[in-house]
C-alpha atoms as a PDB file:
ATOM      1  CA  UNK A   1     -21.965 -11.760  13.999  1.00  0.00           C
ATOM      2  CA  UNK A   2     -19.276 -14.370  14.112  1.00  0.00           C
ATOM      3  CA  UNK A   3     -16.131 -14.719  12.061  1.00  0.00           C
ATOM      4  CA  UNK A   4     -17.610 -17.680  10.178  1.00  0.00           C
ATOM      5  CA  UNK A   5     -19.914 -15.252   8.319  1.00  0.00           C
ATOM      6  CA  UNK A   6     -16.939 -13.179   7.188  1.00  0.00           C
ATOM      7  CA  UNK A   7     -15.090 -16.297   6.051  1.00  0.00           C
ATOM      8  CA  UNK A   8     -18.056 -17.473   3.976  1.00  0.00           C
ATOM      9  CA  UNK A   9     -18.437 -14.027   2.401  1.00  0.00           C
ATOM     10  CA  UNK A  10     -14.736 -13.848   1.572  1.00  0.00           C
ATOM     11  CA  UNK A  11     -14.944 -17.287  -0.069  1.00  0.00           C
ATOM     12  CA  UNK A  12     -17.855 -16.080  -2.190  1.00  0.00           C
ATOM     13  CA  UNK A  13     -15.789 -13.049  -3.252  1.00  0.00           C
ATOM     14  CA  UNK A  14     -12.902 -15.367  -4.109  1.00  0.00           C
ATOM     15  CA  UNK A  15     -15.045 -17.168  -6.675  1.00  0.00           C
ATOM     16  CA  UNK A  16     -14.955 -13.987  -8.776  1.00  0.00           C
ATOM     17  CA  UNK A  17     -11.184 -14.376  -9.140  1.00  0.00           C
ATOM     18  CA  UNK A  18     -11.524 -17.712 -10.912  1.00  0.00           C
ATOM     19  CA  UNK A  19     -14.719 -17.117 -12.887  1.00  0.00           C
ATOM     20  CA  UNK A  20     -13.760 -15.968 -16.365  1.00  0.00           C
ATOM     21  CA  UNK A  21     -15.949 -13.503 -18.246  1.00  0.00           C
ATOM     22  CA  UNK A  22     -18.166 -15.566 -20.534  1.00  0.00           C
ATOM     23  CA  UNK A  23     -18.046 -13.199 -23.506  1.00  0.00           C
ATOM     24  CA  UNK A  24     -14.299 -13.569 -23.767  1.00  0.00           C
ATOM     25  CA  UNK A  25     -14.397 -17.335 -23.278  1.00  0.00           C
ATOM     26  CA  UNK A  26     -17.035 -17.656 -26.016  1.00  0.00           C
ATOM     27  CA  UNK A  27     -14.810 -15.635 -28.370  1.00  0.00           C
ATOM     28  CA  UNK A  28     -11.770 -17.847 -27.834  1.00  0.00           C
ATOM     29  CA  UNK A  29      -9.715 -15.294 -25.918  1.00  0.00           C
ATOM     30  CA  UNK A  30      -6.518 -16.789 -24.502  1.00  0.00           C
ATOM     31  CA  UNK A  31      -6.300 -16.187 -20.727  1.00  0.00           C
ATOM     32  CA  UNK A  32      -9.511 -14.139 -20.484  1.00  0.00           C
ATOM     33  CA  UNK A  33     -10.069 -11.729 -17.628  1.00  0.00           C
ATOM     34  CA  UNK A  34     -11.972 -12.798 -14.548  1.00  0.00           C
ATOM     35  CA  UNK A  35     -15.039 -11.061 -13.177  1.00  0.00           C
ATOM     36  CA  UNK A  36     -12.909  -9.597 -10.380  1.00  0.00           C
ATOM     37  CA  UNK A  37     -10.418  -8.241 -12.942  1.00  0.00           C
ATOM     38  CA  UNK A  38     -13.306  -6.433 -14.623  1.00  0.00           C
ATOM     39  CA  UNK A  39     -14.714  -5.076 -11.352  1.00  0.00           C
ATOM     40  CA  UNK A  40     -11.301  -3.890 -10.164  1.00  0.00           C
ATOM     41  CA  UNK A  41     -10.661  -1.743 -13.228  1.00  0.00           C
ATOM     42  CA  UNK A  42     -14.178  -0.324 -13.031  1.00  0.00           C
ATOM     43  CA  UNK A  43     -13.483   0.670  -9.418  1.00  0.00           C
ATOM     44  CA  UNK A  44     -10.314   2.409 -10.560  1.00  0.00           C
ATOM     45  CA  UNK A  45     -12.392   4.351 -13.105  1.00  0.00           C
ATOM     46  CA  UNK A  46     -14.423   5.716 -10.191  1.00  0.00           C
ATOM     47  CA  UNK A  47     -11.371   6.461  -8.102  1.00  0.00           C
ATOM     48  CA  UNK A  48      -9.686   8.320 -10.975  1.00  0.00           C
ATOM     49  CA  UNK A  49     -12.500  10.833 -11.402  1.00  0.00           C
ATOM     50  CA  UNK A  50     -12.114  14.098  -9.550  1.00  0.00           C
ATOM     51  CA  UNK A  51     -14.374  15.150  -6.710  1.00  0.00           C
ATOM     52  CA  UNK A  52     -15.801  17.821  -8.995  1.00  0.00           C
ATOM     53  CA  UNK A  53     -17.007  15.350 -11.648  1.00  0.00           C
ATOM     54  CA  UNK A  54     -20.627  16.075 -12.421  1.00  0.00           C
ATOM     55  CA  UNK A  55     -23.332  13.558 -13.152  1.00  0.00           C
ATOM     56  CA  UNK A  56     -25.676  13.804 -16.083  1.00  0.00           C
ATOM     57  CA  UNK A  57     -27.966  15.845 -13.824  1.00  0.00           C
ATOM     58  CA  UNK A  58     -25.252  18.520 -13.375  1.00  0.00           C
ATOM     59  CA  UNK A  59     -24.681  17.668  -9.695  1.00  0.00           C
ATOM     60  CA  UNK A  60     -21.424  16.278  -8.246  1.00  0.00           C
ATOM     61  CA  UNK A  61     -21.277  12.496  -8.267  1.00  0.00           C
ATOM     62  CA  UNK A  62     -20.487  10.515  -5.153  1.00  0.00           C
ATOM     63  CA  UNK A  63     -17.174   8.869  -6.124  1.00  0.00           C
ATOM     64  CA  UNK A  64     -17.114   6.614  -3.071  1.00  0.00           C
ATOM     65  CA  UNK A  65     -20.571   5.316  -3.911  1.00  0.00           C
ATOM     66  CA  UNK A  66     -19.455   4.677  -7.494  1.00  0.00           C
ATOM     67  CA  UNK A  67     -16.368   2.774  -6.306  1.00  0.00           C
ATOM     68  CA  UNK A  68     -18.469   0.625  -3.985  1.00  0.00           C
ATOM     69  CA  UNK A  69     -21.091   0.038  -6.659  1.00  0.00           C
ATOM     70  CA  UNK A  70     -18.425  -1.012  -9.160  1.00  0.00           C
ATOM     71  CA  UNK A  71     -17.067  -3.466  -6.584  1.00  0.00           C
ATOM     72  CA  UNK A  72     -20.444  -5.121  -6.007  1.00  0.00           C
ATOM     73  CA  UNK A  73     -22.293  -4.811  -9.328  1.00  0.00           C
ATOM     74  CA  UNK A  74     -21.336  -8.342 -10.481  1.00  0.00           C
ATOM     75  CA  UNK A  75     -21.001  -9.963  -7.050  1.00  0.00           C
ATOM     76  CA  UNK A  76     -24.044 -12.170  -7.630  1.00  0.00           C
ATOM     77  CA  UNK A  77     -22.201 -13.770 -10.543  1.00  0.00           C
ATOM     78  CA  UNK A  78     -19.975 -15.487  -7.983  1.00  0.00           C
ATOM     79  CA  UNK A  79     -22.931 -17.793  -7.274  1.00  0.00           C
ATOM     80  CA  UNK A  80     -24.856 -17.886 -10.576  1.00  0.00           C
ATOM     81  CA  UNK A  81     -22.162 -17.341 -13.222  1.00  0.00           C
ATOM     82  CA  UNK A  82     -21.689 -14.727 -15.909  1.00  0.00           C
ATOM     83  CA  UNK A  83     -24.483 -14.473 -18.475  1.00  0.00           C
ATOM     84  CA  UNK A  84     -24.152 -12.742 -21.836  1.00  0.00           C
ATOM     85  CA  UNK A  85     -26.879 -11.284 -24.063  1.00  0.00           C
ATOM     86  CA  UNK A  86     -26.393 -14.392 -26.266  1.00  0.00           C
ATOM     87  CA  UNK A  87     -27.371 -16.806 -23.482  1.00  0.00           C
ATOM     88  CA  UNK A  88     -30.869 -18.233 -23.603  1.00  0.00           C
ATOM     89  CA  UNK A  89     -32.058 -16.390 -20.515  1.00  0.00           C
ATOM     90  CA  UNK A  90     -34.388 -13.422 -20.279  1.00  0.00           C
ATOM     91  CA  UNK A  91     -33.402 -10.215 -18.520  1.00  0.00           C
ATOM     92  CA  UNK A  92     -36.039 -10.978 -15.890  1.00  0.00           C
ATOM     93  CA  UNK A  93     -34.649 -14.484 -15.275  1.00  0.00           C
ATOM     94  CA  UNK A  94     -31.116 -13.094 -15.032  1.00  0.00           C
ATOM     95  CA  UNK A  95     -32.250 -10.424 -12.591  1.00  0.00           C
ATOM     96  CA  UNK A  96     -34.098 -12.969 -10.436  1.00  0.00           C
ATOM     97  CA  UNK A  97     -31.111 -15.330 -10.313  1.00  0.00           C
ATOM     98  CA  UNK A  98     -28.737 -12.524  -9.400  1.00  0.00           C
ATOM     99  CA  UNK A  99     -31.150 -11.023  -6.879  1.00  0.00           C
ATOM    100  CA  UNK A 100     -31.489 -14.383  -5.113  1.00  0.00           C
ATOM    101  CA  UNK A 101     -27.702 -14.667  -5.062  1.00  0.00           C
ATOM    102  CA  UNK A 102     -27.387 -11.160  -3.630  1.00  0.00           C
ATOM    103  CA  UNK A 103     -29.996 -11.918  -0.963  1.00  0.00           C
ATOM    104  CA  UNK A 104     -27.970 -15.010  -0.014  1.00  0.00           C
ATOM    105  CA  UNK A 105     -24.807 -12.906   0.171  1.00  0.00           C
ATOM    106  CA  UNK A 106     -26.635 -10.297   2.239  1.00  0.00           C
ATOM    107  CA  UNK A 107     -27.831 -12.954   4.677  1.00  0.00           C
ATOM    108  CA  UNK A 108     -24.357 -14.500   4.822  1.00  0.00           C
ATOM    109  CA  UNK A 109     -22.956 -11.228   6.126  1.00  0.00           C
ATOM    110  CA  UNK A 110     -26.077 -10.510   8.173  1.00  0.00           C
ATOM    111  CA  UNK A 111     -24.907  -7.008   9.099  1.00  0.00           C
ATOM    112  CA  UNK A 112     -25.114  -3.409   7.876  1.00  0.00           C
ATOM    113  CA  UNK A 113     -22.402  -4.078   5.272  1.00  0.00           C
ATOM    114  CA  UNK A 114     -24.523  -6.849   3.756  1.00  0.00           C
ATOM    115  CA  UNK A 115     -27.463  -4.474   3.591  1.00  0.00           C
ATOM    116  CA  UNK A 116     -25.316  -1.782   1.935  1.00  0.00           C
ATOM    117  CA  UNK A 117     -23.952  -4.244  -0.626  1.00  0.00           C
ATOM    118  CA  UNK A 118     -27.452  -5.380  -1.539  1.00  0.00           C
ATOM    119  CA  UNK A 119     -28.780  -1.809  -1.805  1.00  0.00           C
ATOM    120  CA  UNK A 120     -25.853  -0.742  -4.010  1.00  0.00           C
ATOM    121  CA  UNK A 121     -26.404  -3.742  -6.284  1.00  0.00           C
ATOM    122  CA  UNK A 122     -30.126  -2.997  -6.544  1.00  0.00           C
ATOM    123  CA  UNK A 123     -29.491   0.690  -7.263  1.00  0.00           C
ATOM    124  CA  UNK A 124     -27.123  -0.342 -10.062  1.00  0.00           C
ATOM    125  CA  UNK A 125     -29.647  -2.782 -11.498  1.00  0.00           C
ATOM    126  CA  UNK A 126     -32.483  -0.262 -11.373  1.00  0.00           C
ATOM    127  CA  UNK A 127     -30.255   2.510 -12.807  1.00  0.00           C
ATOM    128  CA  UNK A 128     -32.221   5.164 -10.937  1.00  0.00           C
ATOM    129  CA  UNK A 129     -29.381   7.493  -9.925  1.00  0.00           C
ATOM    130  CA  UNK A 130     -26.623   9.369 -11.717  1.00  0.00           C
ATOM    131  CA  UNK A 131     -24.087   7.183  -9.896  1.00  0.00           C
ATOM    132  CA  UNK A 132     -25.750   4.009 -11.177  1.00  0.00           C
ATOM    133  CA  UNK A 133     -25.868   5.369 -14.717  1.00  0.00           C
ATOM    134  CA  UNK A 134     -22.200   6.321 -14.487  1.00  0.00           C
ATOM    135  CA  UNK A 135     -21.228   2.862 -13.211  1.00  0.00           C
ATOM    136  CA  UNK A 136     -23.214   1.348 -16.089  1.00  0.00           C
ATOM    137  CA  UNK A 137     -21.002   3.446 -18.375  1.00  0.00           C
ATOM    138  CA  UNK A 138     -17.942   2.100 -16.516  1.00  0.00           C
ATOM    139  CA  UNK A 139     -19.201  -1.431 -17.192  1.00  0.00           C
ATOM    140  CA  UNK A 140     -19.648  -0.892 -20.923  1.00  0.00           C
ATOM    141  CA  UNK A 141     -16.450   1.111 -21.299  1.00  0.00           C
ATOM    142  CA  UNK A 142     -14.324  -1.411 -19.414  1.00  0.00           C
ATOM    143  CA  UNK A 143     -15.642  -4.080 -21.771  1.00  0.00           C
ATOM    144  CA  UNK A 144     -14.725  -2.225 -24.962  1.00  0.00           C
ATOM    145  CA  UNK A 145     -11.362  -1.174 -23.560  1.00  0.00           C
ATOM    146  CA  UNK A 146     -10.687  -4.846 -22.801  1.00  0.00           C
ATOM    147  CA  UNK A 147     -11.915  -5.766 -26.296  1.00  0.00           C
ATOM    148  CA  UNK A 148      -9.452  -3.278 -27.777  1.00  0.00           C
ATOM    149  CA  UNK A 149      -6.638  -4.814 -25.744  1.00  0.00           C
ATOM    150  CA  UNK A 150      -7.569  -8.330 -26.892  1.00  0.00           C
ATOM    151  CA  UNK A 151      -7.837  -7.208 -30.514  1.00  0.00           C
ATOM    152  CA  UNK A 152      -4.340  -5.733 -30.336  1.00  0.00           C
ATOM    153  CA  UNK A 153      -2.717  -8.562 -28.369  1.00  0.00           C
ATOM    154  CA  UNK A 154      -4.498 -11.554 -29.897  1.00  0.00           C
ATOM    155  CA  UNK A 155      -5.488 -10.347 -33.353  1.00  0.00           C
ATOM    156  CA  UNK A 156      -9.171 -11.040 -32.729  1.00  0.00           C
ATOM    157  CA  UNK A 157     -12.059  -9.191 -34.346  1.00  0.00           C
ATOM    158  CA  UNK A 158     -14.397  -8.311 -31.481  1.00  0.00           C
ATOM    159  CA  UNK A 159     -16.715  -6.034 -33.438  1.00  0.00           C
ATOM    160  CA  UNK A 160     -19.842  -7.306 -31.685  1.00  0.00           C
ATOM    161  CA  UNK A 161     -18.652  -5.841 -28.359  1.00  0.00           C
ATOM    162  CA  UNK A 162     -18.272  -2.406 -29.919  1.00  0.00           C
ATOM    163  CA  UNK A 163     -21.602  -2.697 -31.719  1.00  0.00           C
ATOM    164  CA  UNK A 164     -23.375  -3.548 -28.448  1.00  0.00           C
ATOM    165  CA  UNK A 165     -22.244  -0.306 -26.805  1.00  0.00           C
ATOM    166  CA  UNK A 166     -22.363   2.170 -29.684  1.00  0.00           C
ATOM    167  CA  UNK A 167     -24.385   5.274 -28.772  1.00  0.00           C
ATOM    168  CA  UNK A 168     -25.291   3.788 -25.374  1.00  0.00           C
ATOM    169  CA  UNK A 169     -22.970   5.839 -23.148  1.00  0.00           C
ATOM    170  CA  UNK A 170     -24.749   8.437 -21.028  1.00  0.00           C
ATOM    171  CA  UNK A 171     -21.885  10.428 -19.498  1.00  0.00           C
ATOM    172  CA  UNK A 172     -19.895  12.813 -21.747  1.00  0.00           C
ATOM    173  CA  UNK A 173     -16.560  11.521 -20.398  1.00  0.00           C
ATOM    174  CA  UNK A 174     -17.332   7.989 -21.539  1.00  0.00           C
ATOM    175  CA  UNK A 175     -18.965   9.087 -24.763  1.00  0.00           C
ATOM    176  CA  UNK A 176     -15.654  10.748 -25.628  1.00  0.00           C
ATOM    177  CA  UNK A 177     -13.514   7.844 -24.387  1.00  0.00           C
ATOM    178  CA  UNK A 178     -15.550   5.333 -26.403  1.00  0.00           C
ATOM    179  CA  UNK A 179     -14.772   7.301 -29.565  1.00  0.00           C
ATOM    180  CA  UNK A 180     -11.079   7.330 -28.669  1.00  0.00           C
ATOM    181  CA  UNK A 181     -11.072   3.555 -28.108  1.00  0.00           C
ATOM    182  CA  UNK A 182     -12.755   3.004 -31.495  1.00  0.00           C
ATOM    183  CA  UNK A 183     -10.069   5.157 -33.131  1.00  0.00           C
ATOM    184  CA  UNK A 184      -7.326   2.995 -31.600  1.00  0.00           C
ATOM    185  CA  UNK A 185      -8.692  -0.254 -32.971  1.00  0.00           C
ATOM    186  CA  UNK A 186      -6.486  -2.118 -35.425  1.00  0.00           C
ATOM    187  CA  UNK A 187      -7.289  -1.023 -38.979  1.00  0.00           C
ATOM    188  CA  UNK A 188      -8.498  -4.488 -40.067  1.00  0.00           C
ATOM    189  CA  UNK A 189     -11.093  -4.557 -37.253  1.00  0.00           C
ATOM    190  CA  UNK A 190     -12.956  -1.341 -38.116  1.00  0.00           C
END
């Protein structure tokens, strides 16, 4: 592997810093977060959990795997953009676009790290493990926490973001935290 492959991969990662999250853009948020902002905080969620945190199956979760998965779960969006449920694209089309992007990223690295990144992304997408389910909770929770912050700082009503996640959290930690976030919402947005 030559250094050119690393450079190309790092450029792809850099696109996440400048790609704003579509849901916030569509809702008129001033200075909306980027995809990398979102992924960073999700990774911190994983890092903050103790080694004794249990998955929904009662077994200890692999925090390192969760951190890595959080870092790569939206990596394909660097090449295809950020789609929302309101976009005119099916889940299958979205998956295919992102999978092709991830295969391109994997081939750009062309090493064991590229293979690991692809496998972590696929595990997240298929939601077949407790770690993937937990990272899916990170994804939803980070979104409503960000919505709360925008409601407070910009006076926006972002009810649709809360509605889209209600009763969809799998892990007890994030079920509880989602309730706490709802309770902190400005009174006129409840």
